mmCIF file of all heavy atoms, coordinates in Angstrom:
data_MODEL
# 
_entry.id   MODEL 
# 
loop_
_atom_site.group_PDB 
_atom_site.id 
_atom_site.type_symbol 
_atom_site.label_atom_id 
_atom_site.label_alt_id 
_atom_site.label_comp_id 
_atom_site.label_asym_id 
_atom_site.label_entity_id 
_atom_site.label_seq_id 
_atom_site.pdbx_PDB_ins_code 
_atom_site.Cartn_x 
_atom_site.Cartn_y 
_atom_site.Cartn_z 
_atom_site.occupancy 
_atom_site.B_iso_or_equiv 
_atom_site.pdbx_formal_charge 
_atom_site.auth_seq_id 
_atom_site.auth_comp_id 
_atom_site.auth_asym_id 
_atom_site.auth_atom_id 
_atom_site.pdbx_PDB_model_num 
ATOM 1   N N   . PRO A 1 1  ? 7.757   15.939  10.046 1.00 0.00 ? 1  PRO A N   1 
ATOM 2   C CA  . PRO A 1 1  ? 9.037   16.402  9.512  1.00 0.00 ? 1  PRO A CA  1 
ATOM 3   C C   . PRO A 1 1  ? 10.042  15.264  9.327  1.00 0.00 ? 1  PRO A C   1 
ATOM 4   O O   . PRO A 1 1  ? 10.233  14.460  10.241 1.00 0.00 ? 1  PRO A O   1 
ATOM 5   C CB  . PRO A 1 1  ? 9.511   17.429  10.526 1.00 0.00 ? 1  PRO A CB  1 
ATOM 6   C CG  . PRO A 1 1  ? 8.243   17.943  11.168 1.00 0.00 ? 1  PRO A CG  1 
ATOM 7   C CD  . PRO A 1 1  ? 7.294   16.760  11.192 1.00 0.00 ? 1  PRO A CD  1 
ATOM 8   N N   . GLN A 1 2  ? 10.654  15.262  8.129  1.00 0.00 ? 2  GLN A N   1 
ATOM 9   C CA  . GLN A 1 2  ? 11.684  14.272  7.785  1.00 0.00 ? 2  GLN A CA  1 
ATOM 10  C C   . GLN A 1 2  ? 11.216  12.830  7.953  1.00 0.00 ? 2  GLN A C   1 
ATOM 11  O O   . GLN A 1 2  ? 12.027  11.939  8.231  1.00 0.00 ? 2  GLN A O   1 
ATOM 12  C CB  . GLN A 1 2  ? 12.973  14.478  8.609  1.00 0.00 ? 2  GLN A CB  1 
ATOM 13  C CG  . GLN A 1 2  ? 13.745  15.741  8.248  1.00 0.00 ? 2  GLN A CG  1 
ATOM 14  C CD  . GLN A 1 2  ? 13.194  16.966  8.921  1.00 0.00 ? 2  GLN A CD  1 
ATOM 15  O OE1 . GLN A 1 2  ? 13.030  16.959  10.137 1.00 0.00 ? 2  GLN A OE1 1 
ATOM 16  N NE2 . GLN A 1 2  ? 12.951  17.981  8.165  1.00 0.00 ? 2  GLN A NE2 1 
ATOM 17  N N   . GLU A 1 3  ? 9.937   12.590  7.752  1.00 0.00 ? 3  GLU A N   1 
ATOM 18  C CA  . GLU A 1 3  ? 9.439   11.230  7.724  1.00 0.00 ? 3  GLU A CA  1 
ATOM 19  C C   . GLU A 1 3  ? 9.294   10.764  6.271  1.00 0.00 ? 3  GLU A C   1 
ATOM 20  O O   . GLU A 1 3  ? 8.457   11.252  5.544  1.00 0.00 ? 3  GLU A O   1 
ATOM 21  C CB  . GLU A 1 3  ? 8.089   11.113  8.438  1.00 0.00 ? 3  GLU A CB  1 
ATOM 22  C CG  . GLU A 1 3  ? 7.516   9.713   8.449  1.00 0.00 ? 3  GLU A CG  1 
ATOM 23  C CD  . GLU A 1 3  ? 8.509   8.688   8.975  1.00 0.00 ? 3  GLU A CD  1 
ATOM 24  O OE1 . GLU A 1 3  ? 8.791   8.708   10.200 1.00 0.00 ? 3  GLU A OE1 1 
ATOM 25  O OE2 . GLU A 1 3  ? 9.063   7.898   8.165  1.00 0.00 ? 3  GLU A OE2 1 
ATOM 26  N N   . PHE A 1 4  ? 10.157  9.815   5.881  1.00 0.00 ? 4  PHE A N   1 
ATOM 27  C CA  . PHE A 1 4  ? 10.224  9.401   4.477  1.00 0.00 ? 4  PHE A CA  1 
ATOM 28  C C   . PHE A 1 4  ? 9.631   8.017   4.265  1.00 0.00 ? 4  PHE A C   1 
ATOM 29  O O   . PHE A 1 4  ? 9.600   7.558   3.119  1.00 0.00 ? 4  PHE A O   1 
ATOM 30  C CB  . PHE A 1 4  ? 11.709  9.403   4.036  1.00 0.00 ? 4  PHE A CB  1 
ATOM 31  C CG  . PHE A 1 4  ? 12.375  10.718  4.237  1.00 0.00 ? 4  PHE A CG  1 
ATOM 32  C CD1 . PHE A 1 4  ? 13.334  10.884  5.215  1.00 0.00 ? 4  PHE A CD1 1 
ATOM 33  C CD2 . PHE A 1 4  ? 12.035  11.825  3.441  1.00 0.00 ? 4  PHE A CD2 1 
ATOM 34  C CE1 . PHE A 1 4  ? 13.989  12.111  5.406  1.00 0.00 ? 4  PHE A CE1 1 
ATOM 35  C CE2 . PHE A 1 4  ? 12.652  13.030  3.626  1.00 0.00 ? 4  PHE A CE2 1 
ATOM 36  C CZ  . PHE A 1 4  ? 13.633  13.178  4.594  1.00 0.00 ? 4  PHE A CZ  1 
ATOM 37  N N   . ARG A 1 5  ? 9.190   7.354   5.335  1.00 0.00 ? 5  ARG A N   1 
ATOM 38  C CA  . ARG A 1 5  ? 8.544   6.048   5.156  1.00 0.00 ? 5  ARG A CA  1 
ATOM 39  C C   . ARG A 1 5  ? 7.127   6.211   4.558  1.00 0.00 ? 5  ARG A C   1 
ATOM 40  O O   . ARG A 1 5  ? 6.575   7.284   4.493  1.00 0.00 ? 5  ARG A O   1 
ATOM 41  C CB  . ARG A 1 5  ? 8.478   5.336   6.500  1.00 0.00 ? 5  ARG A CB  1 
ATOM 42  C CG  . ARG A 1 5  ? 9.825   4.871   7.017  1.00 0.00 ? 5  ARG A CG  1 
ATOM 43  C CD  . ARG A 1 5  ? 9.741   4.344   8.429  1.00 0.00 ? 5  ARG A CD  1 
ATOM 44  N NE  . ARG A 1 5  ? 9.419   5.408   9.410  1.00 0.00 ? 5  ARG A NE  1 
ATOM 45  C CZ  . ARG A 1 5  ? 9.300   5.222   10.737 1.00 0.00 ? 5  ARG A CZ  1 
ATOM 46  N NH1 . ARG A 1 5  ? 9.400   3.976   11.210 1.00 0.00 ? 5  ARG A NH1 1 
ATOM 47  N NH2 . ARG A 1 5  ? 9.066   6.217   11.557 1.00 0.00 ? 5  ARG A NH2 1 
ATOM 48  N N   . VAL A 1 6  ? 6.568   5.093   4.160  1.00 0.00 ? 6  VAL A N   1 
ATOM 49  C CA  . VAL A 1 6  ? 5.180   5.078   3.640  1.00 0.00 ? 6  VAL A CA  1 
ATOM 50  C C   . VAL A 1 6  ? 4.464   3.871   4.214  1.00 0.00 ? 6  VAL A C   1 
ATOM 51  O O   . VAL A 1 6  ? 5.079   2.823   4.424  1.00 0.00 ? 6  VAL A O   1 
ATOM 52  C CB  . VAL A 1 6  ? 5.211   5.075   2.106  1.00 0.00 ? 6  VAL A CB  1 
ATOM 53  C CG1 . VAL A 1 6  ? 5.905   3.809   1.552  1.00 0.00 ? 6  VAL A CG1 1 
ATOM 54  C CG2 . VAL A 1 6  ? 3.794   5.182   1.522  1.00 0.00 ? 6  VAL A CG2 1 
ATOM 55  N N   . GLY A 1 7  ? 3.164   4.013   4.450  1.00 0.00 ? 7  GLY A N   1 
ATOM 56  C CA  . GLY A 1 7  ? 2.387   2.974   5.123  1.00 0.00 ? 7  GLY A CA  1 
ATOM 57  C C   . GLY A 1 7  ? 2.150   1.705   4.310  1.00 0.00 ? 7  GLY A C   1 
ATOM 58  O O   . GLY A 1 7  ? 1.980   0.636   4.900  1.00 0.00 ? 7  GLY A O   1 
ATOM 59  N N   . LEU A 1 8  ? 2.112   1.823   2.995  1.00 0.00 ? 8  LEU A N   1 
ATOM 60  C CA  . LEU A 1 8  ? 1.883   0.643   2.123  1.00 0.00 ? 8  LEU A CA  1 
ATOM 61  C C   . LEU A 1 8  ? 3.015   0.569   1.114  1.00 0.00 ? 8  LEU A C   1 
ATOM 62  O O   . LEU A 1 8  ? 3.343   1.539   0.452  1.00 0.00 ? 8  LEU A O   1 
ATOM 63  C CB  . LEU A 1 8  ? 0.564   0.782   1.390  1.00 0.00 ? 8  LEU A CB  1 
ATOM 64  C CG  . LEU A 1 8  ? -0.744  0.501   2.129  1.00 0.00 ? 8  LEU A CG  1 
ATOM 65  C CD1 . LEU A 1 8  ? -1.917  0.732   1.201  1.00 0.00 ? 8  LEU A CD1 1 
ATOM 66  C CD2 . LEU A 1 8  ? -0.761  -0.895  2.693  1.00 0.00 ? 8  LEU A CD2 1 
ATOM 67  N N   . THR A 1 9  ? 3.574   -0.594  0.951  1.00 0.00 ? 9  THR A N   1 
ATOM 68  C CA  . THR A 1 9  ? 4.484   -0.848  -0.154 1.00 0.00 ? 9  THR A CA  1 
ATOM 69  C C   . THR A 1 9  ? 3.676   -1.254  -1.399 1.00 0.00 ? 9  THR A C   1 
ATOM 70  O O   . THR A 1 9  ? 2.510   -1.660  -1.303 1.00 0.00 ? 9  THR A O   1 
ATOM 71  C CB  . THR A 1 9  ? 5.448   -1.999  0.182  1.00 0.00 ? 9  THR A CB  1 
ATOM 72  O OG1 . THR A 1 9  ? 4.683   -3.218  0.365  1.00 0.00 ? 9  THR A OG1 1 
ATOM 73  C CG2 . THR A 1 9  ? 6.258   -1.698  1.447  1.00 0.00 ? 9  THR A CG2 1 
ATOM 74  N N   . PRO A 1 10 ? 4.264   -1.166  -2.554 1.00 0.00 ? 10 PRO A N   1 
ATOM 75  C CA  . PRO A 1 10 ? 3.576   -1.659  -3.746 1.00 0.00 ? 10 PRO A CA  1 
ATOM 76  C C   . PRO A 1 10 ? 3.172   -3.109  -3.635 1.00 0.00 ? 10 PRO A C   1 
ATOM 77  O O   . PRO A 1 10 ? 2.093   -3.484  -4.116 1.00 0.00 ? 10 PRO A O   1 
ATOM 78  C CB  . PRO A 1 10 ? 4.596   -1.424  -4.876 1.00 0.00 ? 10 PRO A CB  1 
ATOM 79  C CG  . PRO A 1 10 ? 5.411   -0.247  -4.416 1.00 0.00 ? 10 PRO A CG  1 
ATOM 80  C CD  . PRO A 1 10 ? 5.536   -0.454  -2.948 1.00 0.00 ? 10 PRO A CD  1 
ATOM 81  N N   . ASN A 1 11 ? 4.023   -3.908  -3.012 1.00 0.00 ? 11 ASN A N   1 
ATOM 82  C CA  . ASN A 1 11 ? 3.645   -5.321  -2.809 1.00 0.00 ? 11 ASN A CA  1 
ATOM 83  C C   . ASN A 1 11 ? 2.399   -5.496  -1.950 1.00 0.00 ? 11 ASN A C   1 
ATOM 84  O O   . ASN A 1 11 ? 1.524   -6.317  -2.236 1.00 0.00 ? 11 ASN A O   1 
ATOM 85  C CB  . ASN A 1 11 ? 4.799   -6.097  -2.171 1.00 0.00 ? 11 ASN A CB  1 
ATOM 86  C CG  . ASN A 1 11 ? 5.919   -6.416  -3.151 1.00 0.00 ? 11 ASN A CG  1 
ATOM 87  O OD1 . ASN A 1 11 ? 5.705   -6.367  -4.353 1.00 0.00 ? 11 ASN A OD1 1 
ATOM 88  N ND2 . ASN A 1 11 ? 7.072   -6.761  -2.635 1.00 0.00 ? 11 ASN A ND2 1 
ATOM 89  N N   . ALA A 1 12 ? 2.304   -4.674  -0.874 1.00 0.00 ? 12 ALA A N   1 
ATOM 90  C CA  . ALA A 1 12 ? 1.121   -4.720  -0.016 1.00 0.00 ? 12 ALA A CA  1 
ATOM 91  C C   . ALA A 1 12 ? -0.130  -4.242  -0.798 1.00 0.00 ? 12 ALA A C   1 
ATOM 92  O O   . ALA A 1 12 ? -1.217  -4.812  -0.628 1.00 0.00 ? 12 ALA A O   1 
ATOM 93  C CB  . ALA A 1 12 ? 1.353   -3.879  1.229  1.00 0.00 ? 12 ALA A CB  1 
ATOM 94  N N   . ALA A 1 13 ? 0.047   -3.208  -1.585 1.00 0.00 ? 13 ALA A N   1 
ATOM 95  C CA  . ALA A 1 13 ? -1.059  -2.708  -2.403 1.00 0.00 ? 13 ALA A CA  1 
ATOM 96  C C   . ALA A 1 13 ? -1.536  -3.797  -3.366 1.00 0.00 ? 13 ALA A C   1 
ATOM 97  O O   . ALA A 1 13 ? -2.746  -3.994  -3.544 1.00 0.00 ? 13 ALA A O   1 
ATOM 98  C CB  . ALA A 1 13 ? -0.640  -1.447  -3.160 1.00 0.00 ? 13 ALA A CB  1 
ATOM 99  N N   . GLN A 1 14 ? -0.614  -4.485  -4.012 1.00 0.00 ? 14 GLN A N   1 
ATOM 100 C CA  . GLN A 1 14 ? -0.945  -5.536  -4.960 1.00 0.00 ? 14 GLN A CA  1 
ATOM 101 C C   . GLN A 1 14 ? -1.708  -6.675  -4.251 1.00 0.00 ? 14 GLN A C   1 
ATOM 102 O O   . GLN A 1 14 ? -2.682  -7.204  -4.793 1.00 0.00 ? 14 GLN A O   1 
ATOM 103 C CB  . GLN A 1 14 ? 0.329   -6.076  -5.599 1.00 0.00 ? 14 GLN A CB  1 
ATOM 104 C CG  . GLN A 1 14 ? 0.055   -7.126  -6.688 1.00 0.00 ? 14 GLN A CG  1 
ATOM 105 C CD  . GLN A 1 14 ? 1.351   -7.505  -7.407 1.00 0.00 ? 14 GLN A CD  1 
ATOM 106 O OE1 . GLN A 1 14 ? 2.372   -6.925  -7.219 1.00 0.00 ? 14 GLN A OE1 1 
ATOM 107 N NE2 . GLN A 1 14 ? 1.239   -8.517  -8.290 1.00 0.00 ? 14 GLN A NE2 1 
ATOM 108 N N   . GLU A 1 15 ? -1.268  -7.054  -3.027 1.00 0.00 ? 15 GLU A N   1 
ATOM 109 C CA  . GLU A 1 15 ? -1.942  -8.090  -2.281 1.00 0.00 ? 15 GLU A CA  1 
ATOM 110 C C   . GLU A 1 15 ? -3.377  -7.667  -1.952 1.00 0.00 ? 15 GLU A C   1 
ATOM 111 O O   . GLU A 1 15 ? -4.338  -8.469  -2.069 1.00 0.00 ? 15 GLU A O   1 
ATOM 112 C CB  . GLU A 1 15 ? -1.181  -8.398  -1.006 1.00 0.00 ? 15 GLU A CB  1 
ATOM 113 C CG  . GLU A 1 15 ? 0.094   -9.134  -1.216 1.00 0.00 ? 15 GLU A CG  1 
ATOM 114 C CD  . GLU A 1 15 ? -0.092  -10.605 -1.622 1.00 0.00 ? 15 GLU A CD  1 
ATOM 115 O OE1 . GLU A 1 15 ? -1.135  -11.184 -1.294 1.00 0.00 ? 15 GLU A OE1 1 
ATOM 116 O OE2 . GLU A 1 15 ? 0.816   -11.150 -2.287 1.00 0.00 ? 15 GLU A OE2 1 
ATOM 117 N N   . ALA A 1 16 ? -3.551  -6.422  -1.519 1.00 0.00 ? 16 ALA A N   1 
ATOM 118 C CA  . ALA A 1 16 ? -4.908  -5.921  -1.191 1.00 0.00 ? 16 ALA A CA  1 
ATOM 119 C C   . ALA A 1 16 ? -5.815  -5.934  -2.403 1.00 0.00 ? 16 ALA A C   1 
ATOM 120 O O   . ALA A 1 16 ? -6.985  -6.301  -2.320 1.00 0.00 ? 16 ALA A O   1 
ATOM 121 C CB  . ALA A 1 16 ? -4.803  -4.531  -0.607 1.00 0.00 ? 16 ALA A CB  1 
ATOM 122 N N   . VAL A 1 17 ? -5.270  -5.496  -3.550 1.00 0.00 ? 17 VAL A N   1 
ATOM 123 C CA  . VAL A 1 17 ? -6.079  -5.493  -4.756 1.00 0.00 ? 17 VAL A CA  1 
ATOM 124 C C   . VAL A 1 17 ? -6.440  -6.903  -5.153 1.00 0.00 ? 17 VAL A C   1 
ATOM 125 O O   . VAL A 1 17 ? -7.563  -7.181  -5.554 1.00 0.00 ? 17 VAL A O   1 
ATOM 126 C CB  . VAL A 1 17 ? -5.297  -4.788  -5.894 1.00 0.00 ? 17 VAL A CB  1 
ATOM 127 C CG1 . VAL A 1 17 ? -6.002  -4.978  -7.244 1.00 0.00 ? 17 VAL A CG1 1 
ATOM 128 C CG2 . VAL A 1 17 ? -5.155  -3.292  -5.597 1.00 0.00 ? 17 VAL A CG2 1 
ATOM 129 N N   . ALA A 1 18 ? -5.507  -7.855  -4.971 1.00 0.00 ? 18 ALA A N   1 
ATOM 130 C CA  . ALA A 1 18 ? -5.793  -9.264  -5.321 1.00 0.00 ? 18 ALA A CA  1 
ATOM 131 C C   . ALA A 1 18 ? -6.876  -9.810  -4.416 1.00 0.00 ? 18 ALA A C   1 
ATOM 132 O O   . ALA A 1 18 ? -7.597  -10.778 -4.806 1.00 0.00 ? 18 ALA A O   1 
ATOM 133 C CB  . ALA A 1 18 ? -4.523  -10.064 -5.195 1.00 0.00 ? 18 ALA A CB  1 
ATOM 134 N N   . HIS A 1 19 ? -7.020  -9.268  -3.229 1.00 0.00 ? 19 HIS A N   1 
ATOM 135 C CA  . HIS A 1 19 ? -8.098  -9.691  -2.301 1.00 0.00 ? 19 HIS A CA  1 
ATOM 136 C C   . HIS A 1 19 ? -9.421  -8.990  -2.600 1.00 0.00 ? 19 HIS A C   1 
ATOM 137 O O   . HIS A 1 19 ? -10.391 -9.197  -1.862 1.00 0.00 ? 19 HIS A O   1 
ATOM 138 C CB  . HIS A 1 19 ? -7.670  -9.444  -0.863 1.00 0.00 ? 19 HIS A CB  1 
ATOM 139 C CG  . HIS A 1 19 ? -6.719  -10.443 -0.301 1.00 0.00 ? 19 HIS A CG  1 
ATOM 140 N ND1 . HIS A 1 19 ? -6.941  -11.122 0.877  1.00 0.00 ? 19 HIS A ND1 1 
ATOM 141 C CD2 . HIS A 1 19 ? -5.523  -10.899 -0.753 1.00 0.00 ? 19 HIS A CD2 1 
ATOM 142 C CE1 . HIS A 1 19 ? -5.949  -11.955 1.104  1.00 0.00 ? 19 HIS A CE1 1 
ATOM 143 N NE2 . HIS A 1 19 ? -5.074  -11.844 0.125  1.00 0.00 ? 19 HIS A NE2 1 
ATOM 144 N N   . GLY A 1 20 ? -9.442  -8.140  -3.629 1.00 0.00 ? 20 GLY A N   1 
ATOM 145 C CA  . GLY A 1 20 ? -10.693 -7.534  -4.036 1.00 0.00 ? 20 GLY A CA  1 
ATOM 146 C C   . GLY A 1 20 ? -10.941 -6.167  -3.435 1.00 0.00 ? 20 GLY A C   1 
ATOM 147 O O   . GLY A 1 20 ? -12.051 -5.606  -3.594 1.00 0.00 ? 20 GLY A O   1 
ATOM 148 N N   . HIS A 1 21 ? -9.927  -5.539  -2.826 1.00 0.00 ? 21 HIS A N   1 
ATOM 149 C CA  . HIS A 1 21 ? -10.098 -4.238  -2.190 1.00 0.00 ? 21 HIS A CA  1 
ATOM 150 C C   . HIS A 1 21 ? -9.600  -3.139  -3.128 1.00 0.00 ? 21 HIS A C   1 
ATOM 151 O O   . HIS A 1 21 ? -8.762  -3.346  -4.008 1.00 0.00 ? 21 HIS A O   1 
ATOM 152 C CB  . HIS A 1 21 ? -9.340  -4.185  -0.874 1.00 0.00 ? 21 HIS A CB  1 
ATOM 153 C CG  . HIS A 1 21 ? -9.725  -5.311  0.038  1.00 0.00 ? 21 HIS A CG  1 
ATOM 154 N ND1 . HIS A 1 21 ? -10.991 -5.425  0.588  1.00 0.00 ? 21 HIS A ND1 1 
ATOM 155 C CD2 . HIS A 1 21 ? -9.034  -6.381  0.482  1.00 0.00 ? 21 HIS A CD2 1 
ATOM 156 C CE1 . HIS A 1 21 ? -11.060 -6.509  1.346  1.00 0.00 ? 21 HIS A CE1 1 
ATOM 157 N NE2 . HIS A 1 21 ? -9.871  -7.137  1.291  1.00 0.00 ? 21 HIS A NE2 1 
ATOM 158 N N   . GLY A 1 22 ? -10.119 -1.935  -2.887 1.00 0.00 ? 22 GLY A N   1 
ATOM 159 C CA  . GLY A 1 22 ? -9.605  -0.748  -3.595 1.00 0.00 ? 22 GLY A CA  1 
ATOM 160 C C   . GLY A 1 22 ? -8.506  -0.078  -2.824 1.00 0.00 ? 22 GLY A C   1 
ATOM 161 O O   . GLY A 1 22 ? -8.584  0.026   -1.589 1.00 0.00 ? 22 GLY A O   1 
ATOM 162 N N   . VAL A 1 23 ? -7.439  0.347   -3.481 1.00 0.00 ? 23 VAL A N   1 
ATOM 163 C CA  . VAL A 1 23 ? -6.311  0.994   -2.803 1.00 0.00 ? 23 VAL A CA  1 
ATOM 164 C C   . VAL A 1 23 ? -6.072  2.342   -3.407 1.00 0.00 ? 23 VAL A C   1 
ATOM 165 O O   . VAL A 1 23 ? -5.951  2.476   -4.641 1.00 0.00 ? 23 VAL A O   1 
ATOM 166 C CB  . VAL A 1 23 ? -5.057  0.114   -2.912 1.00 0.00 ? 23 VAL A CB  1 
ATOM 167 C CG1 . VAL A 1 23 ? -3.867  0.831   -2.249 1.00 0.00 ? 23 VAL A CG1 1 
ATOM 168 C CG2 . VAL A 1 23 ? -5.253  -1.226  -2.263 1.00 0.00 ? 23 VAL A CG2 1 
ATOM 169 N N   . MET A 1 24 ? -6.008  3.367   -2.555 1.00 0.00 ? 24 MET A N   1 
ATOM 170 C CA  . MET A 1 24 ? -5.674  4.731   -2.978 1.00 0.00 ? 24 MET A CA  1 
ATOM 171 C C   . MET A 1 24 ? -4.373  5.160   -2.367 1.00 0.00 ? 24 MET A C   1 
ATOM 172 O O   . MET A 1 24 ? -4.184  5.011   -1.144 1.00 0.00 ? 24 MET A O   1 
ATOM 173 C CB  . MET A 1 24 ? -6.781  5.725   -2.547 1.00 0.00 ? 24 MET A CB  1 
ATOM 174 C CG  . MET A 1 24 ? -8.082  5.558   -3.268 1.00 0.00 ? 24 MET A CG  1 
ATOM 175 S SD  . MET A 1 24 ? -9.348  6.541   -2.406 1.00 0.00 ? 24 MET A SD  1 
ATOM 176 C CE  . MET A 1 24 ? -9.533  5.600   -0.897 1.00 0.00 ? 24 MET A CE  1 
# 
């Protein structure tokens, strides 16, 4: 309840993709 944060930022997702990983 009332948790508005998220575990991955778009920047973190971009870094993971650049390392060759899939991000959902």
